[in-house]
Full PDB file with SEQRES, HELIX, SHEET, SSBOND, CRYST1, ORIGX, SCALE, CONECT and MASTER records, all heavy atoms in Angstrom:
SEQRES   1 A   39  SER ILE TYR VAL ASN GLY ARG PRO VAL TYR CYS THR ALA          
SEQRES   2 A   39  TYR ALA ILE SER GLY ASN ASN TYR VAL ARG LEU ARG ASP          
SEQRES   3 A   39  ILE GLY GLN ALA VAL GLY PHE GLY VAL GLU TYR ASP LYS          
HELIX    1 AA1 LEU A   24  VAL A   31  1                                   8    
SHEET    1 AA1 2 TYR A   3  VAL A   4  0                                        
SHEET    2 AA1 2 ARG A   7  PRO A   8 -1                                        
SHEET    1 AA2 2 ALA A  13  ILE A  16  0                                        
SHEET    2 AA2 2 ASN A  19  VAL A  22 -1                                        
CRYST1    1.000    1.000    1.000  90.00  90.00  90.00 P 1           1          
ORIGX1      1.000000  0.000000  0.000000        0.00000                         
ORIGX2      0.000000  1.000000  0.000000        0.00000                         
ORIGX3      0.000000  0.000000  1.000000        0.00000                         
SCALE1      1.000000  0.000000  0.000000        0.00000                         
SCALE2      0.000000  1.000000  0.000000        0.00000                         
SCALE3      0.000000  0.000000  1.000000        0.00000                         
ATOM      1  N   SER A   1       5.381 -23.938 -12.358  1.00  0.00           N  
ATOM      2  CA  SER A   1       4.309 -24.733 -12.898  1.00  0.00           C  
ATOM      3  C   SER A   1       3.413 -25.239 -11.765  1.00  0.00           C  
ATOM      4  O   SER A   1       3.924 -25.628 -10.724  1.00  0.00           O  
ATOM      5  CB  SER A   1       4.796 -25.916 -13.736  1.00  0.00           C  
ATOM      6  OG  SER A   1       5.583 -25.462 -14.810  1.00  0.00           O  
ATOM      7  N   ILE A   2       2.106 -25.210 -11.992  1.00  0.00           N  
ATOM      8  CA  ILE A   2       1.132 -25.684 -11.016  1.00  0.00           C  
ATOM      9  C   ILE A   2       0.369 -26.825 -11.595  1.00  0.00           C  
ATOM     10  O   ILE A   2      -0.083 -26.751 -12.746  1.00  0.00           O  
ATOM     11  CB  ILE A   2       0.209 -24.542 -10.592  1.00  0.00           C  
ATOM     12  CG1 ILE A   2       0.988 -23.402  -9.941  1.00  0.00           C  
ATOM     13  CG2 ILE A   2      -0.910 -25.040  -9.665  1.00  0.00           C  
ATOM     14  CD1 ILE A   2       0.178 -22.181  -9.625  1.00  0.00           C  
ATOM     15  N   TYR A   3       0.217 -27.933 -10.845  1.00  0.00           N  
ATOM     16  CA  TYR A   3      -0.439 -29.118 -11.354  1.00  0.00           C  
ATOM     17  C   TYR A   3      -1.549 -29.548 -10.383  1.00  0.00           C  
ATOM     18  O   TYR A   3      -1.391 -29.418  -9.148  1.00  0.00           O  
ATOM     19  CB  TYR A   3       0.559 -30.265 -11.515  1.00  0.00           C  
ATOM     20  CG  TYR A   3       1.583 -30.016 -12.584  1.00  0.00           C  
ATOM     21  CD1 TYR A   3       2.719 -29.262 -12.286  1.00  0.00           C  
ATOM     22  CD2 TYR A   3       1.462 -30.551 -13.825  1.00  0.00           C  
ATOM     23  CE1 TYR A   3       3.694 -29.022 -13.242  1.00  0.00           C  
ATOM     24  CE2 TYR A   3       2.425 -30.335 -14.811  1.00  0.00           C  
ATOM     25  CZ  TYR A   3       3.540 -29.559 -14.514  1.00  0.00           C  
ATOM     26  OH  TYR A   3       4.470 -29.330 -15.477  1.00  0.00           O  
ATOM     27  N   VAL A   4      -2.650 -29.994 -10.929  1.00  0.00           N  
ATOM     28  CA  VAL A   4      -3.731 -30.628 -10.146  1.00  0.00           C  
ATOM     29  C   VAL A   4      -3.921 -32.020 -10.730  1.00  0.00           C  
ATOM     30  O   VAL A   4      -4.229 -32.155 -11.927  1.00  0.00           O  
ATOM     31  CB  VAL A   4      -5.041 -29.816 -10.249  1.00  0.00           C  
ATOM     32  CG1 VAL A   4      -6.144 -30.578  -9.539  1.00  0.00           C  
ATOM     33  CG2 VAL A   4      -4.858 -28.472  -9.570  1.00  0.00           C  
ATOM     34  N   ASN A   5      -3.706 -33.039  -9.900  1.00  0.00           N  
ATOM     35  CA  ASN A   5      -3.773 -34.422 -10.355  1.00  0.00           C  
ATOM     36  C   ASN A   5      -2.912 -34.666 -11.586  1.00  0.00           C  
ATOM     37  O   ASN A   5      -3.281 -35.364 -12.525  1.00  0.00           O  
ATOM     38  CB  ASN A   5      -5.252 -34.792 -10.676  1.00  0.00           C  
ATOM     39  CG  ASN A   5      -6.111 -34.799  -9.456  1.00  0.00           C  
ATOM     40  OD1 ASN A   5      -5.626 -35.084  -8.379  1.00  0.00           O  
ATOM     41  ND2 ASN A   5      -7.376 -34.469  -9.615  1.00  0.00           N  
ATOM     42  N   GLY A   6      -1.707 -34.095 -11.605  1.00  0.00           N  
ATOM     43  CA  GLY A   6      -0.788 -34.319 -12.661  1.00  0.00           C  
ATOM     44  C   GLY A   6      -1.026 -33.507 -13.929  1.00  0.00           C  
ATOM     45  O   GLY A   6      -0.263 -33.629 -14.900  1.00  0.00           O  
ATOM     46  N   ARG A   7      -2.010 -32.617 -13.913  1.00  0.00           N  
ATOM     47  CA  ARG A   7      -2.361 -31.834 -15.071  1.00  0.00           C  
ATOM     48  C   ARG A   7      -2.026 -30.379 -14.820  1.00  0.00           C  
ATOM     49  O   ARG A   7      -2.367 -29.847 -13.779  1.00  0.00           O  
ATOM     50  CB  ARG A   7      -3.805 -31.981 -15.459  1.00  0.00           C  
ATOM     51  CG  ARG A   7      -4.182 -31.290 -16.721  1.00  0.00           C  
ATOM     52  CD  ARG A   7      -5.710 -31.444 -16.996  1.00  0.00           C  
ATOM     53  NE  ARG A   7      -6.073 -30.920 -18.276  1.00  0.00           N  
ATOM     54  CZ  ARG A   7      -7.341 -30.861 -18.703  1.00  0.00           C  
ATOM     55  NH1 ARG A   7      -8.311 -31.284 -17.943  1.00  0.00           N  
ATOM     56  NH2 ARG A   7      -7.592 -30.343 -19.899  1.00  0.00           N  
ATOM     57  N   PRO A   8      -1.364 -29.653 -15.766  1.00  0.00           N  
ATOM     58  CA  PRO A   8      -1.081 -28.255 -15.539  1.00  0.00           C  
ATOM     59  C   PRO A   8      -2.305 -27.369 -15.468  1.00  0.00           C  
ATOM     60  O   PRO A   8      -3.294 -27.586 -16.153  1.00  0.00           O  
ATOM     61  CB  PRO A   8      -0.234 -27.867 -16.772  1.00  0.00           C  
ATOM     62  CG  PRO A   8      -0.593 -28.875 -17.828  1.00  0.00           C  
ATOM     63  CD  PRO A   8      -0.860 -30.127 -17.051  1.00  0.00           C  
ATOM     64  N   VAL A   9      -2.296 -26.425 -14.524  1.00  0.00           N  
ATOM     65  CA  VAL A   9      -3.398 -25.494 -14.327  1.00  0.00           C  
ATOM     66  C   VAL A   9      -2.857 -24.106 -14.672  1.00  0.00           C  
ATOM     67  O   VAL A   9      -1.785 -23.706 -14.240  1.00  0.00           O  
ATOM     68  CB  VAL A   9      -3.910 -25.528 -12.861  1.00  0.00           C  
ATOM     69  CG1 VAL A   9      -4.935 -24.459 -12.652  1.00  0.00           C  
ATOM     70  CG2 VAL A   9      -4.466 -26.898 -12.546  1.00  0.00           C  
ATOM     71  N   TYR A  10      -3.608 -23.362 -15.439  1.00  0.00           N  
ATOM     72  CA  TYR A  10      -3.120 -22.058 -15.915  1.00  0.00           C  
ATOM     73  C   TYR A  10      -3.823 -20.966 -15.100  1.00  0.00           C  
ATOM     74  O   TYR A  10      -4.938 -20.590 -15.338  1.00  0.00           O  
ATOM     75  CB  TYR A  10      -3.450 -21.904 -17.404  1.00  0.00           C  
ATOM     76  CG  TYR A  10      -2.960 -23.092 -18.198  1.00  0.00           C  
ATOM     77  CD1 TYR A  10      -3.812 -24.106 -18.540  1.00  0.00           C  
ATOM     78  CD2 TYR A  10      -1.611 -23.187 -18.525  1.00  0.00           C  
ATOM     79  CE1 TYR A  10      -3.361 -25.190 -19.235  1.00  0.00           C  
ATOM     80  CE2 TYR A  10      -1.139 -24.272 -19.222  1.00  0.00           C  
ATOM     81  CZ  TYR A  10      -2.028 -25.269 -19.598  1.00  0.00           C  
ATOM     82  OH  TYR A  10      -1.573 -26.366 -20.291  1.00  0.00           O  
ATOM     83  N   CYS A  11      -3.115 -20.501 -14.068  1.00  0.00           N  
ATOM     84  CA  CYS A  11      -3.674 -19.444 -13.218  1.00  0.00           C  
ATOM     85  C   CYS A  11      -2.522 -18.600 -12.705  1.00  0.00           C  
ATOM     86  O   CYS A  11      -1.353 -19.020 -12.689  1.00  0.00           O  
ATOM     87  CB  CYS A  11      -4.489 -20.003 -12.057  1.00  0.00           C  
ATOM     88  SG  CYS A  11      -3.599 -21.141 -11.020  1.00  0.00           S  
ATOM     89  N   THR A  12      -2.849 -17.384 -12.337  1.00  0.00           N  
ATOM     90  CA  THR A  12      -1.822 -16.484 -11.852  1.00  0.00           C  
ATOM     91  C   THR A  12      -1.362 -16.860 -10.470  1.00  0.00           C  
ATOM     92  O   THR A  12      -2.111 -17.147  -9.577  1.00  0.00           O  
ATOM     93  CB  THR A  12      -2.418 -15.056 -11.780  1.00  0.00           C  
ATOM     94  OG1 THR A  12      -2.927 -14.669 -13.085  1.00  0.00           O  
ATOM     95  CG2 THR A  12      -1.364 -14.039 -11.368  1.00  0.00           C  
ATOM     96  N   ALA A  13      -0.039 -16.930 -10.281  1.00  0.00           N  
ATOM     97  CA  ALA A  13       0.574 -17.275  -9.023  1.00  0.00           C  
ATOM     98  C   ALA A  13       1.485 -16.179  -8.537  1.00  0.00           C  
ATOM     99  O   ALA A  13       2.042 -15.394  -9.345  1.00  0.00           O  
ATOM    100  CB  ALA A  13       1.337 -18.584  -9.145  1.00  0.00           C  
ATOM    101  N   TYR A  14       1.637 -16.095  -7.224  1.00  0.00           N  
ATOM    102  CA  TYR A  14       2.530 -15.088  -6.632  1.00  0.00           C  
ATOM    103  C   TYR A  14       3.528 -15.761  -5.706  1.00  0.00           C  
ATOM    104  O   TYR A  14       3.206 -16.693  -5.029  1.00  0.00           O  
ATOM    105  CB  TYR A  14       1.672 -14.118  -5.785  1.00  0.00           C  
ATOM    106  CG  TYR A  14       0.625 -13.380  -6.548  1.00  0.00           C  
ATOM    107  CD1 TYR A  14      -0.678 -13.858  -6.576  1.00  0.00           C  
ATOM    108  CD2 TYR A  14       0.925 -12.186  -7.216  1.00  0.00           C  
ATOM    109  CE1 TYR A  14      -1.670 -13.207  -7.285  1.00  0.00           C  
ATOM    110  CE2 TYR A  14      -0.095 -11.494  -7.906  1.00  0.00           C  
ATOM    111  CZ  TYR A  14      -1.373 -12.035  -7.954  1.00  0.00           C  
ATOM    112  OH  TYR A  14      -2.332 -11.358  -8.624  1.00  0.00           O  
ATOM    113  N   ALA A  15       4.743 -15.254  -5.685  1.00  0.00           N  
ATOM    114  CA  ALA A  15       5.741 -15.649  -4.718  1.00  0.00           C  
ATOM    115  C   ALA A  15       5.793 -14.578  -3.641  1.00  0.00           C  
ATOM    116  O   ALA A  15       6.071 -13.414  -3.916  1.00  0.00           O  
ATOM    117  CB  ALA A  15       7.091 -15.774  -5.396  1.00  0.00           C  
ATOM    118  N   ILE A  16       5.473 -14.974  -2.412  1.00  0.00           N  
ATOM    119  CA  ILE A  16       5.465 -14.032  -1.274  1.00  0.00           C  
ATOM    120  C   ILE A  16       6.300 -14.635  -0.154  1.00  0.00           C  
ATOM    121  O   ILE A  16       5.913 -15.652   0.434  1.00  0.00           O  
ATOM    122  CB  ILE A  16       4.024 -13.754  -0.811  1.00  0.00           C  
ATOM    123  CG1 ILE A  16       3.152 -13.243  -1.975  1.00  0.00           C  
ATOM    124  CG2 ILE A  16       4.025 -12.759   0.330  1.00  0.00           C  
ATOM    125  CD1 ILE A  16       1.736 -13.069  -1.549  1.00  0.00           C  
ATOM    126  N   SER A  17       7.373 -14.007   0.204  1.00  0.00           N  
ATOM    127  CA  SER A  17       8.200 -14.461   1.286  1.00  0.00           C  
ATOM    128  C   SER A  17       8.552 -15.943   1.272  1.00  0.00           C  
ATOM    129  O   SER A  17       8.436 -16.640   2.237  1.00  0.00           O  
ATOM    130  CB  SER A  17       7.506 -14.108   2.627  1.00  0.00           C  
ATOM    131  OG  SER A  17       8.342 -14.321   3.728  1.00  0.00           O  
ATOM    132  N   GLY A  18       8.899 -16.419   0.065  1.00  0.00           N  
ATOM    133  CA  GLY A  18       9.275 -17.795  -0.103  1.00  0.00           C  
ATOM    134  C   GLY A  18       8.153 -18.782  -0.276  1.00  0.00           C  
ATOM    135  O   GLY A  18       8.386 -20.018  -0.332  1.00  0.00           O  
ATOM    136  N   ASN A  19       6.879 -18.318  -0.300  1.00  0.00           N  
ATOM    137  CA  ASN A  19       5.751 -19.166  -0.484  1.00  0.00           C  
ATOM    138  C   ASN A  19       5.075 -18.884  -1.818  1.00  0.00           C  
ATOM    139  O   ASN A  19       5.214 -17.770  -2.338  1.00  0.00           O  
ATOM    140  CB  ASN A  19       4.724 -18.996   0.638  1.00  0.00           C  
ATOM    141  CG  ASN A  19       5.322 -19.331   1.997  1.00  0.00           C  
ATOM    142  OD1 ASN A  19       6.085 -20.248   2.141  1.00  0.00           O  
ATOM    143  ND2 ASN A  19       4.946 -18.570   3.038  1.00  0.00           N  
ATOM    144  N   ASN A  20       4.341 -19.846  -2.338  1.00  0.00           N  
ATOM    145  CA  ASN A  20       3.554 -19.690  -3.546  1.00  0.00           C  
ATOM    146  C   ASN A  20       2.093 -19.456  -3.185  1.00  0.00           C  
ATOM    147  O   ASN A  20       1.539 -20.196  -2.374  1.00  0.00           O  
ATOM    148  CB  ASN A  20       3.691 -20.864  -4.495  1.00  0.00           C  
ATOM    149  CG  ASN A  20       5.036 -20.892  -5.159  1.00  0.00           C  
ATOM    150  OD1 ASN A  20       5.459 -19.878  -5.680  1.00  0.00           O  
ATOM    151  ND2 ASN A  20       5.696 -22.039  -5.199  1.00  0.00           N  
ATOM    152  N   TYR A  21       1.441 -18.491  -3.833  1.00  0.00           N  
ATOM    153  CA  TYR A  21       0.036 -18.234  -3.584  1.00  0.00           C  
ATOM    154  C   TYR A  21      -0.727 -18.205  -4.923  1.00  0.00           C  
ATOM    155  O   TYR A  21      -0.187 -17.731  -5.915  1.00  0.00           O  
ATOM    156  CB  TYR A  21      -0.161 -16.848  -2.925  1.00  0.00           C  
ATOM    157  CG  TYR A  21       0.305 -16.742  -1.501  1.00  0.00           C  
ATOM    158  CD1 TYR A  21       1.641 -16.603  -1.192  1.00  0.00           C  
ATOM    159  CD2 TYR A  21      -0.603 -16.816  -0.423  1.00  0.00           C  
ATOM    160  CE1 TYR A  21       2.085 -16.510   0.107  1.00  0.00           C  
ATOM    161  CE2 TYR A  21      -0.183 -16.733   0.869  1.00  0.00           C  
ATOM    162  CZ  TYR A  21       1.172 -16.582   1.162  1.00  0.00           C  
ATOM    163  OH  TYR A  21       1.609 -16.498   2.411  1.00  0.00           O  
ATOM    164  N   VAL A  22      -1.948 -18.709  -4.913  1.00  0.00           N  
ATOM    165  CA  VAL A  22      -2.865 -18.569  -6.039  1.00  0.00           C  
ATOM    166  C   VAL A  22      -4.226 -18.214  -5.473  1.00  0.00           C  
ATOM    167  O   VAL A  22      -4.511 -18.444  -4.284  1.00  0.00           O  
ATOM    168  CB  VAL A  22      -2.979 -19.817  -6.915  1.00  0.00           C  
ATOM    169  CG1 VAL A  22      -1.656 -20.149  -7.523  1.00  0.00           C  
ATOM    170  CG2 VAL A  22      -3.523 -21.008  -6.125  1.00  0.00           C  
ATOM    171  N   ARG A  23      -5.094 -17.654  -6.306  1.00  0.00           N  
ATOM    172  CA  ARG A  23      -6.424 -17.304  -5.840  1.00  0.00           C  
ATOM    173  C   ARG A  23      -7.243 -18.588  -5.604  1.00  0.00           C  
ATOM    174  O   ARG A  23      -7.245 -19.495  -6.389  1.00  0.00           O  
ATOM    175  CB  ARG A  23      -7.164 -16.439  -6.846  1.00  0.00           C  
ATOM    176  CG  ARG A  23      -6.569 -15.047  -6.909  1.00  0.00           C  
ATOM    177  CD  ARG A  23      -7.436 -14.153  -7.805  1.00  0.00           C  
ATOM    178  NE  ARG A  23      -6.873 -12.822  -7.873  1.00  0.00           N  
ATOM    179  CZ  ARG A  23      -5.870 -12.426  -8.699  1.00  0.00           C  
ATOM    180  NH1 ARG A  23      -5.331 -13.291  -9.535  1.00  0.00           N  
ATOM    181  NH2 ARG A  23      -5.450 -11.173  -8.680  1.00  0.00           N  
ATOM    182  N   LEU A  24      -7.994 -18.560  -4.525  1.00  0.00           N  
ATOM    183  CA  LEU A  24      -8.851 -19.703  -4.144  1.00  0.00           C  
ATOM    184  C   LEU A  24      -9.851 -19.934  -5.260  1.00  0.00           C  
ATOM    185  O   LEU A  24     -10.203 -21.060  -5.560  1.00  0.00           O  
ATOM    186  CB  LEU A  24      -9.525 -19.436  -2.841  1.00  0.00           C  
ATOM    187  CG  LEU A  24     -10.396 -20.584  -2.264  1.00  0.00           C  
ATOM    188  CD1 LEU A  24      -9.593 -21.853  -2.123  1.00  0.00           C  
ATOM    189  CD2 LEU A  24     -10.943 -20.186  -0.874  1.00  0.00           C  
ATOM    190  N   ARG A  25     -10.411 -18.885  -5.860  1.00  0.00           N  
ATOM    191  CA  ARG A  25     -11.396 -19.026  -6.914  1.00  0.00           C  
ATOM    192  C   ARG A  25     -10.821 -19.794  -8.113  1.00  0.00           C  
ATOM    193  O   ARG A  25     -11.495 -20.609  -8.744  1.00  0.00           O  
ATOM    194  CB  ARG A  25     -11.933 -17.654  -7.362  1.00  0.00           C  
ATOM    195  CG  ARG A  25     -13.104 -17.772  -8.319  1.00  0.00           C  
ATOM    196  CD  ARG A  25     -13.524 -16.413  -8.799  1.00  0.00           C  
ATOM    197  NE  ARG A  25     -13.984 -15.527  -7.715  1.00  0.00           N  
ATOM    198  CZ  ARG A  25     -15.170 -15.562  -7.182  1.00  0.00           C  
ATOM    199  NH1 ARG A  25     -16.073 -16.398  -7.563  1.00  0.00           N  
ATOM    200  NH2 ARG A  25     -15.470 -14.727  -6.163  1.00  0.00           N  
ATOM    201  N   ASP A  26      -9.567 -19.515  -8.424  1.00  0.00           N  
ATOM    202  CA  ASP A  26      -8.906 -20.228  -9.543  1.00  0.00           C  
ATOM    203  C   ASP A  26      -8.784 -21.698  -9.281  1.00  0.00           C  
ATOM    204  O   ASP A  26      -9.052 -22.523 -10.170  1.00  0.00           O  
ATOM    205  CB  ASP A  26      -7.537 -19.633  -9.832  1.00  0.00           C  
ATOM    206  CG  ASP A  26      -7.557 -18.251 -10.417  1.00  0.00           C  
ATOM    207  OD1 ASP A  26      -8.665 -17.838 -10.859  1.00  0.00           O  
ATOM    208  OD2 ASP A  26      -6.534 -17.547 -10.394  1.00  0.00           O  
ATOM    209  N   ILE A  27      -8.414 -22.062  -8.062  1.00  0.00           N  
ATOM    210  CA  ILE A  27      -8.313 -23.451  -7.706  1.00  0.00           C  
ATOM    211  C   ILE A  27      -9.680 -24.116  -7.693  1.00  0.00           C  
ATOM    212  O   ILE A  27      -9.857 -25.238  -8.121  1.00  0.00           O  
ATOM    213  CB  ILE A  27      -7.618 -23.632  -6.312  1.00  0.00           C  
ATOM    214  CG1 ILE A  27      -6.165 -23.159  -6.400  1.00  0.00           C  
ATOM    215  CG2 ILE A  27      -7.656 -25.094  -5.862  1.00  0.00           C  
ATOM    216  CD1 ILE A  27      -5.337 -23.891  -7.449  1.00  0.00           C  
ATOM    217  N   GLY A  28     -10.676 -23.395  -7.193  1.00  0.00           N  
ATOM    218  CA  GLY A  28     -12.045 -23.910  -7.205  1.00  0.00           C  
ATOM    219  C   GLY A  28     -12.479 -24.277  -8.621  1.00  0.00           C  
ATOM    220  O   GLY A  28     -13.102 -25.324  -8.843  1.00  0.00           O  
ATOM    221  N   GLN A  29     -12.153 -23.387  -9.571  1.00  0.00           N  
ATOM    222  CA  GLN A  29     -12.522 -23.679 -10.946  1.00  0.00           C  
ATOM    223  C   GLN A  29     -11.784 -24.886 -11.492  1.00  0.00           C  
ATOM    224  O   GLN A  29     -12.383 -25.706 -12.254  1.00  0.00           O  
ATOM    225  CB  GLN A  29     -12.243 -22.484 -11.829  1.00  0.00           C  
ATOM    226  CG  GLN A  29     -12.697 -22.576 -13.274  1.00  0.00           C  
ATOM    227  CD  GLN A  29     -12.498 -21.293 -14.030  1.00  0.00           C  
ATOM    228  OE1 GLN A  29     -11.494 -20.638 -13.903  1.00  0.00           O  
ATOM    229  NE2 GLN A  29     -13.444 -20.955 -14.888  1.00  0.00           N  
ATOM    230  N   ALA A  30     -10.581 -25.083 -11.079  1.00  0.00           N  
ATOM    231  CA  ALA A  30      -9.749 -26.199 -11.560  1.00  0.00           C  
ATOM    232  C   ALA A  30     -10.222 -27.532 -11.032  1.00  0.00           C  
ATOM    233  O   ALA A  30     -10.143 -28.543 -11.713  1.00  0.00           O  
ATOM    234  CB  ALA A  30      -8.275 -25.952 -11.214  1.00  0.00           C  
ATOM    235  N   VAL A  31     -10.665 -27.584  -9.755  1.00  0.00           N  
ATOM    236  CA  VAL A  31     -11.019 -28.866  -9.147  1.00  0.00           C  
ATOM    237  C   VAL A  31     -12.519 -29.024  -8.911  1.00  0.00           C  
ATOM    238  O   VAL A  31     -12.947 -30.068  -8.424  1.00  0.00           O  
ATOM    239  CB  VAL A  31     -10.245 -29.063  -7.813  1.00  0.00           C  
ATOM    240  CG1 VAL A  31      -8.770 -28.994  -8.057  1.00  0.00           C  
ATOM    241  CG2 VAL A  31     -10.627 -27.990  -6.795  1.00  0.00           C  
ATOM    242  N   GLY A  32     -13.288 -28.002  -9.228  1.00  0.00           N  
ATOM    243  CA  GLY A  32     -14.776 -28.162  -9.203  1.00  0.00           C  
ATOM    244  C   GLY A  32     -15.460 -27.814  -7.930  1.00  0.00           C  
ATOM    245  O   GLY A  32     -16.313 -28.582  -7.470  1.00  0.00           O  
ATOM    246  N   PHE A  33     -15.132 -26.682  -7.309  1.00  0.00           N  
ATOM    247  CA  PHE A  33     -15.963 -26.195  -6.217  1.00  0.00           C  
ATOM    248  C   PHE A  33     -16.168 -24.691  -6.391  1.00  0.00           C  
ATOM    249  O   PHE A  33     -15.385 -23.984  -7.087  1.00  0.00           O  
ATOM    250  CB  PHE A  33     -15.403 -26.495  -4.826  1.00  0.00           C  
ATOM    251  CG  PHE A  33     -14.048 -25.878  -4.535  1.00  0.00           C  
ATOM    252  CD1 PHE A  33     -13.942 -24.537  -4.153  1.00  0.00           C  
ATOM    253  CD2 PHE A  33     -12.881 -26.663  -4.549  1.00  0.00           C  
ATOM    254  CE1 PHE A  33     -12.686 -24.016  -3.873  1.00  0.00           C  
ATOM    255  CE2 PHE A  33     -11.654 -26.109  -4.289  1.00  0.00           C  
ATOM    256  CZ  PHE A  33     -11.548 -24.773  -3.924  1.00  0.00           C  
ATOM    257  N   GLY A  34     -17.248 -24.190  -5.845  1.00  0.00           N  
ATOM    258  CA  GLY A  34     -17.611 -22.801  -6.036  1.00  0.00           C  
ATOM    259  C   GLY A  34     -17.085 -21.937  -4.920  1.00  0.00           C  
ATOM    260  O   GLY A  34     -17.007 -22.320  -3.760  1.00  0.00           O  
ATOM    261  N   VAL A  35     -16.692 -20.669  -5.270  1.00  0.00           N  
ATOM    262  CA  VAL A  35     -16.175 -19.738  -4.295  1.00  0.00           C  
ATOM    263  C   VAL A  35     -16.921 -18.402  -4.465  1.00  0.00           C  
ATOM    264  O   VAL A  35     -16.977 -17.879  -5.566  1.00  0.00           O  
ATOM    265  CB  VAL A  35     -14.681 -19.513  -4.480  1.00  0.00           C  
ATOM    266  CG1 VAL A  35     -14.187 -18.492  -3.431  1.00  0.00           C  
ATOM    267  CG2 VAL A  35     -13.919 -20.804  -4.314  1.00  0.00           C  
ATOM    268  N   GLU A  36     -17.503 -17.923  -3.393  1.00  0.00           N  
ATOM    269  CA  GLU A  36     -18.236 -16.649  -3.401  1.00  0.00           C  
ATOM    270  C   GLU A  36     -17.802 -15.779  -2.246  1.00  0.00           C  
ATOM    271  O   GLU A  36     -17.529 -16.332  -1.153  1.00  0.00           O  
ATOM    272  CB  GLU A  36     -19.740 -16.835  -3.356  1.00  0.00           C  
ATOM    273  CG  GLU A  36     -20.295 -17.603  -4.548  1.00  0.00           C  
ATOM    274  CD  GLU A  36     -21.831 -17.713  -4.491  1.00  0.00           C  
ATOM    275  OE1 GLU A  36     -22.450 -16.693  -4.086  1.00  0.00           O  
ATOM    276  OE2 GLU A  36     -22.368 -18.777  -4.797  1.00  0.00           O  
ATOM    277  N   TYR A  37     -17.765 -14.474  -2.467  1.00  0.00           N  
ATOM    278  CA  TYR A  37     -17.472 -13.531  -1.385  1.00  0.00           C  
ATOM    279  C   TYR A  37     -18.780 -12.977  -0.842  1.00  0.00           C  
ATOM    280  O   TYR A  37     -19.586 -12.444  -1.584  1.00  0.00           O  
ATOM    281  CB  TYR A  37     -16.579 -12.376  -1.864  1.00  0.00           C  
ATOM    282  CG  TYR A  37     -16.347 -11.351  -0.826  1.00  0.00           C  
ATOM    283  CD1 TYR A  37     -15.665 -11.645   0.353  1.00  0.00           C  
ATOM    284  CD2 TYR A  37     -16.776 -10.026  -1.017  1.00  0.00           C  
ATOM    285  CE1 TYR A  37     -15.463 -10.718   1.331  1.00  0.00           C  
ATOM    286  CE2 TYR A  37     -16.596  -9.088  -0.047  1.00  0.00           C  
ATOM    287  CZ  TYR A  37     -15.895  -9.391   1.122  1.00  0.00           C  
ATOM    288  OH  TYR A  37     -15.692  -8.443   2.092  1.00  0.00           O  
ATOM    289  N   ASP A  38     -18.971 -13.077   0.478  1.00  0.00           N  
ATOM    290  CA  ASP A  38     -20.162 -12.595   1.139  1.00  0.00           C  
ATOM    291  C   ASP A  38     -19.844 -11.257   1.835  1.00  0.00           C  
ATOM    292  O   ASP A  38     -19.149 -11.217   2.860  1.00  0.00           O  
ATOM    293  CB  ASP A  38     -20.666 -13.592   2.174  1.00  0.00           C  
ATOM    294  CG  ASP A  38     -21.998 -13.255   2.793  1.00  0.00           C  
ATOM    295  OD1 ASP A  38     -22.373 -12.074   2.704  1.00  0.00           O  
ATOM    296  OD2 ASP A  38     -22.661 -14.152   3.353  1.00  0.00           O  
ATOM    297  N   LYS A  39     -20.348 -10.154   1.220  1.00  0.00           N  
ATOM    298  CA  LYS A  39     -20.055  -8.842   1.767  1.00  0.00           C  
ATOM    299  C   LYS A  39     -20.612  -8.699   3.203  1.00  0.00           C  
ATOM    300  O   LYS A  39     -20.004  -8.009   4.021  1.00  0.00           O  
ATOM    301  CB  LYS A  39     -20.576  -7.750   0.862  1.00  0.00           C  
ATOM    302  CG  LYS A  39     -19.854  -7.631  -0.466  1.00  0.00           C  
ATOM    303  CD  LYS A  39     -20.447  -6.462  -1.260  1.00  0.00           C  
ATOM    304  CE  LYS A  39     -19.701  -6.320  -2.600  1.00  0.00           C  
ATOM    305  NZ  LYS A  39     -20.234  -5.188  -3.399  1.00  0.00           N  
TER     306      LYS A  39                                                      
MASTER        0    0    0    1    4    0    0    6  305    1    0    3          
END                                                                             
């Protein structure tokens, strides 16, 4: 389970070599910042 300020966030997470990863864009949407890829 992933929480932001005590509230569950529904996003895809990965376990990689003992660590948890989520997409930065998903977290941005949850906490209110924008994420863009500059080619």
